[in-house]
N, C-alpha and C. Protein backbone atom coordinates (compact mmCIF):
# COMPACT_ATOMS: atom_id res chain seq x y z
N MET A 1 110.02 97.11 106.11
CA MET A 1 109.42 96.55 104.93
C MET A 1 108.89 95.16 105.28
N ARG A 2 107.69 94.88 104.87
CA ARG A 2 107.08 93.57 105.10
C ARG A 2 107.20 92.75 103.84
N CYS A 3 107.47 91.44 103.98
CA CYS A 3 107.69 90.57 102.82
C CYS A 3 106.82 89.33 102.90
N THR A 4 106.66 88.68 101.75
CA THR A 4 105.99 87.40 101.71
C THR A 4 106.88 86.37 102.40
N ALA A 5 106.32 85.24 102.79
CA ALA A 5 107.07 84.27 103.58
C ALA A 5 108.04 83.39 102.79
N PRO A 6 107.60 82.42 102.01
CA PRO A 6 108.59 81.54 101.37
C PRO A 6 109.27 82.22 100.18
N PRO A 7 110.53 81.87 99.95
CA PRO A 7 111.23 82.44 98.80
C PRO A 7 110.53 82.04 97.50
N PRO A 8 110.56 82.85 96.47
CA PRO A 8 111.26 84.12 96.42
C PRO A 8 110.50 85.18 97.22
N ILE A 9 111.24 85.92 98.04
CA ILE A 9 110.64 86.92 98.92
C ILE A 9 110.36 88.19 98.12
N ALA A 10 109.17 88.72 98.30
CA ALA A 10 108.78 89.96 97.62
C ALA A 10 108.21 90.93 98.64
N PRO A 11 108.54 92.21 98.56
CA PRO A 11 107.98 93.18 99.51
C PRO A 11 106.47 93.33 99.32
N LEU A 12 105.77 93.51 100.44
CA LEU A 12 104.33 93.75 100.41
C LEU A 12 104.00 95.23 100.58
N ARG A 13 104.88 95.97 101.27
CA ARG A 13 104.68 97.40 101.52
C ARG A 13 106.01 98.11 101.33
N VAL A 14 105.94 99.39 100.96
CA VAL A 14 107.15 100.20 100.81
C VAL A 14 106.93 101.54 101.51
N PRO A 15 108.02 102.17 101.99
CA PRO A 15 107.87 103.46 102.68
C PRO A 15 107.50 104.60 101.74
N ILE A 16 106.67 105.52 102.25
CA ILE A 16 106.34 106.74 101.51
C ILE A 16 106.73 107.99 102.31
N SER A 17 107.03 107.80 103.59
CA SER A 17 107.48 108.92 104.43
C SER A 17 108.39 108.35 105.52
N PRO A 18 109.21 109.19 106.13
CA PRO A 18 110.13 108.71 107.17
C PRO A 18 109.39 108.27 108.44
N LEU A 19 110.01 107.36 109.16
CA LEU A 19 109.52 107.02 110.49
C LEU A 19 109.71 108.22 111.40
N PRO A 20 108.83 108.42 112.36
CA PRO A 20 108.97 109.57 113.27
C PRO A 20 110.02 109.31 114.35
N LEU A 21 111.29 109.30 113.94
CA LEU A 21 112.39 109.10 114.88
C LEU A 21 112.92 110.48 115.27
N GLY A 22 112.80 110.81 116.52
CA GLY A 22 113.24 112.13 116.98
C GLY A 22 114.73 112.21 117.20
N ASN A 23 115.20 113.41 117.35
CA ASN A 23 116.60 113.66 117.67
C ASN A 23 116.65 114.32 119.05
N PRO A 24 116.85 113.52 120.11
CA PRO A 24 116.87 114.09 121.45
C PRO A 24 118.08 114.99 121.72
N PHE A 25 119.05 115.01 120.81
CA PHE A 25 120.24 115.82 120.99
C PHE A 25 120.13 117.18 120.32
N GLY A 26 119.06 117.40 119.55
CA GLY A 26 118.88 118.67 118.87
C GLY A 26 120.00 118.95 117.88
N ALA A 27 120.40 120.20 117.76
CA ALA A 27 121.43 120.59 116.80
C ALA A 27 122.84 120.42 117.35
N ARG A 28 122.96 119.98 118.60
CA ARG A 28 124.29 119.83 119.19
C ARG A 28 125.09 118.74 118.48
N THR A 29 126.30 119.05 118.11
CA THR A 29 127.21 118.06 117.54
C THR A 29 128.57 118.19 118.20
N ARG A 30 129.30 117.12 118.21
CA ARG A 30 130.65 117.13 118.78
C ARG A 30 131.70 117.48 117.74
N HIS A 31 131.40 117.16 116.49
CA HIS A 31 132.39 117.31 115.42
C HIS A 31 131.79 118.15 114.29
N ALA A 32 132.66 118.71 113.48
CA ALA A 32 132.21 119.45 112.30
C ALA A 32 131.53 118.48 111.33
N ARG A 33 130.51 118.95 110.66
CA ARG A 33 129.80 118.11 109.70
C ARG A 33 130.70 117.79 108.51
N LEU A 34 130.66 116.54 108.07
CA LEU A 34 131.44 116.14 106.91
C LEU A 34 130.83 116.68 105.63
N ASN A 35 129.51 116.76 105.58
CA ASN A 35 128.81 117.26 104.41
C ASN A 35 127.96 118.45 104.84
N LYS A 36 128.41 119.64 104.52
CA LYS A 36 127.72 120.87 104.94
C LYS A 36 126.33 121.01 104.33
N ALA A 37 126.06 120.31 103.23
CA ALA A 37 124.76 120.39 102.56
C ALA A 37 123.68 119.61 103.31
N VAL A 38 124.08 118.77 104.24
CA VAL A 38 123.13 117.93 104.97
C VAL A 38 122.97 118.46 106.38
N GLY A 39 121.72 118.68 106.79
CA GLY A 39 121.47 119.22 108.12
C GLY A 39 121.51 118.17 109.21
N GLU A 40 120.78 117.09 109.03
CA GLU A 40 120.68 116.07 110.08
C GLU A 40 120.49 114.72 109.43
N ILE A 41 121.19 113.72 109.94
CA ILE A 41 121.07 112.36 109.45
C ILE A 41 120.57 111.49 110.60
N VAL A 42 119.46 110.82 110.38
CA VAL A 42 118.90 109.87 111.35
C VAL A 42 118.68 108.57 110.59
N TYR A 43 119.31 107.48 111.05
CA TYR A 43 119.22 106.22 110.30
C TYR A 43 118.96 105.05 111.24
N PRO A 44 117.93 104.24 110.95
CA PRO A 44 117.64 103.08 111.79
C PRO A 44 118.74 102.03 111.64
N THR A 45 119.06 101.36 112.75
CA THR A 45 120.08 100.32 112.73
C THR A 45 119.56 98.96 113.16
N GLY A 46 118.34 98.91 113.68
CA GLY A 46 117.75 97.64 114.08
C GLY A 46 116.35 97.86 114.62
N ALA A 47 115.56 96.78 114.66
CA ALA A 47 114.20 96.91 115.17
C ALA A 47 113.73 95.57 115.73
N ALA A 48 112.84 95.66 116.70
CA ALA A 48 112.21 94.47 117.28
C ALA A 48 110.74 94.81 117.55
N PHE A 49 109.89 93.81 117.54
CA PHE A 49 108.47 94.01 117.80
C PHE A 49 108.17 93.56 119.21
N SER A 50 107.49 94.42 119.99
CA SER A 50 107.14 94.09 121.37
C SER A 50 105.86 94.79 121.77
N ARG A 51 104.86 94.01 122.17
CA ARG A 51 103.60 94.52 122.71
C ARG A 51 102.96 95.60 121.84
N GLY A 52 102.88 95.35 120.53
CA GLY A 52 102.22 96.27 119.63
C GLY A 52 103.06 97.46 119.20
N HIS A 53 104.33 97.46 119.56
CA HIS A 53 105.22 98.57 119.21
C HIS A 53 106.46 98.05 118.50
N LEU A 54 107.04 98.90 117.66
CA LEU A 54 108.36 98.64 117.13
C LEU A 54 109.36 99.36 118.03
N VAL A 55 110.34 98.63 118.50
CA VAL A 55 111.44 99.22 119.28
C VAL A 55 112.59 99.36 118.29
N ILE A 56 112.93 100.60 117.96
CA ILE A 56 113.89 100.88 116.90
C ILE A 56 115.13 101.54 117.48
N SER A 57 116.29 100.93 117.20
CA SER A 57 117.55 101.59 117.55
C SER A 57 118.01 102.36 116.32
N TYR A 58 118.58 103.54 116.55
CA TYR A 58 119.00 104.35 115.40
C TYR A 58 120.16 105.25 115.75
N GLY A 59 120.88 105.64 114.70
CA GLY A 59 122.01 106.54 114.85
C GLY A 59 121.63 107.95 114.44
N ILE A 60 122.32 108.91 114.99
CA ILE A 60 122.05 110.33 114.71
C ILE A 60 123.38 111.02 114.39
N ASN A 61 123.46 111.55 113.17
CA ASN A 61 124.62 112.34 112.73
C ASN A 61 125.96 111.65 112.94
N ASP A 62 126.00 110.33 112.88
CA ASP A 62 127.23 109.57 113.08
C ASP A 62 127.93 109.87 114.40
N GLU A 63 127.15 110.38 115.39
CA GLU A 63 127.73 110.73 116.69
C GLU A 63 127.00 110.12 117.87
N HIS A 64 125.70 109.96 117.74
CA HIS A 64 124.87 109.52 118.85
C HIS A 64 124.03 108.32 118.43
N CYS A 65 123.44 107.67 119.43
CA CYS A 65 122.47 106.63 119.15
C CYS A 65 121.27 106.84 120.08
N ALA A 66 120.15 106.29 119.70
CA ALA A 66 118.92 106.44 120.48
C ALA A 66 118.02 105.24 120.23
N ILE A 67 116.99 105.13 121.03
CA ILE A 67 115.98 104.08 120.89
C ILE A 67 114.62 104.74 120.93
N ALA A 68 113.75 104.34 120.00
CA ALA A 68 112.38 104.86 119.95
C ALA A 68 111.41 103.69 119.98
N CYS A 69 110.29 103.89 120.64
CA CYS A 69 109.19 102.92 120.65
C CYS A 69 108.04 103.55 119.89
N ILE A 70 107.68 102.94 118.76
CA ILE A 70 106.65 103.50 117.89
C ILE A 70 105.52 102.49 117.76
N PRO A 71 104.27 102.91 117.95
CA PRO A 71 103.16 101.98 117.73
C PRO A 71 103.22 101.40 116.31
N LEU A 72 102.93 100.12 116.18
CA LEU A 72 102.98 99.49 114.87
C LEU A 72 102.10 100.22 113.86
N GLU A 73 100.94 100.69 114.29
CA GLU A 73 100.03 101.41 113.38
C GLU A 73 100.70 102.68 112.82
N THR A 74 101.49 103.36 113.64
CA THR A 74 102.19 104.56 113.20
C THR A 74 103.21 104.21 112.13
N ALA A 75 103.95 103.13 112.34
CA ALA A 75 104.95 102.70 111.35
C ALA A 75 104.27 102.28 110.05
N ILE A 76 103.17 101.54 110.15
CA ILE A 76 102.46 101.10 108.94
C ILE A 76 101.92 102.30 108.17
N ALA A 77 101.52 103.35 108.87
CA ALA A 77 100.98 104.55 108.22
C ALA A 77 102.03 105.27 107.37
N THR A 78 103.31 104.95 107.54
CA THR A 78 104.36 105.57 106.73
C THR A 78 104.66 104.75 105.48
N THR A 79 103.81 103.73 105.19
CA THR A 79 104.04 102.85 104.04
C THR A 79 102.77 102.75 103.19
N ILE A 80 102.94 102.20 102.00
CA ILE A 80 101.78 101.87 101.15
C ILE A 80 101.94 100.43 100.68
N ALA A 81 100.81 99.79 100.45
CA ALA A 81 100.82 98.41 99.96
C ALA A 81 101.19 98.38 98.48
N LEU A 82 101.97 97.39 98.10
CA LEU A 82 102.28 97.18 96.70
C LEU A 82 101.22 96.27 96.08
N PRO A 83 100.93 96.46 94.79
CA PRO A 83 99.97 95.56 94.15
C PRO A 83 100.50 94.13 94.16
N ARG A 84 99.63 93.19 94.39
CA ARG A 84 100.05 91.76 94.38
C ARG A 84 100.25 91.30 92.95
N ARG A 85 101.25 90.45 92.77
CA ARG A 85 101.52 89.92 91.41
C ARG A 85 100.84 88.59 91.23
């Protein structure tokens, strides 16, 4: 999420679709799923900007972690701009 600079901070863009974070482990799990209704959980845990890309660390199914490098344009394409107040 991108925000304005000085407080009060307000978001400029909001997500409309998930980031394309892959699951390199596939359906393999070490433990039984805690919630059988959920197939796969992928959640970002941190991000840094480097050379036009977002470097995103993320967790997978509470068992694994991974790192993805996504072009900034790809990440922005998953958001929409909010109207300015």
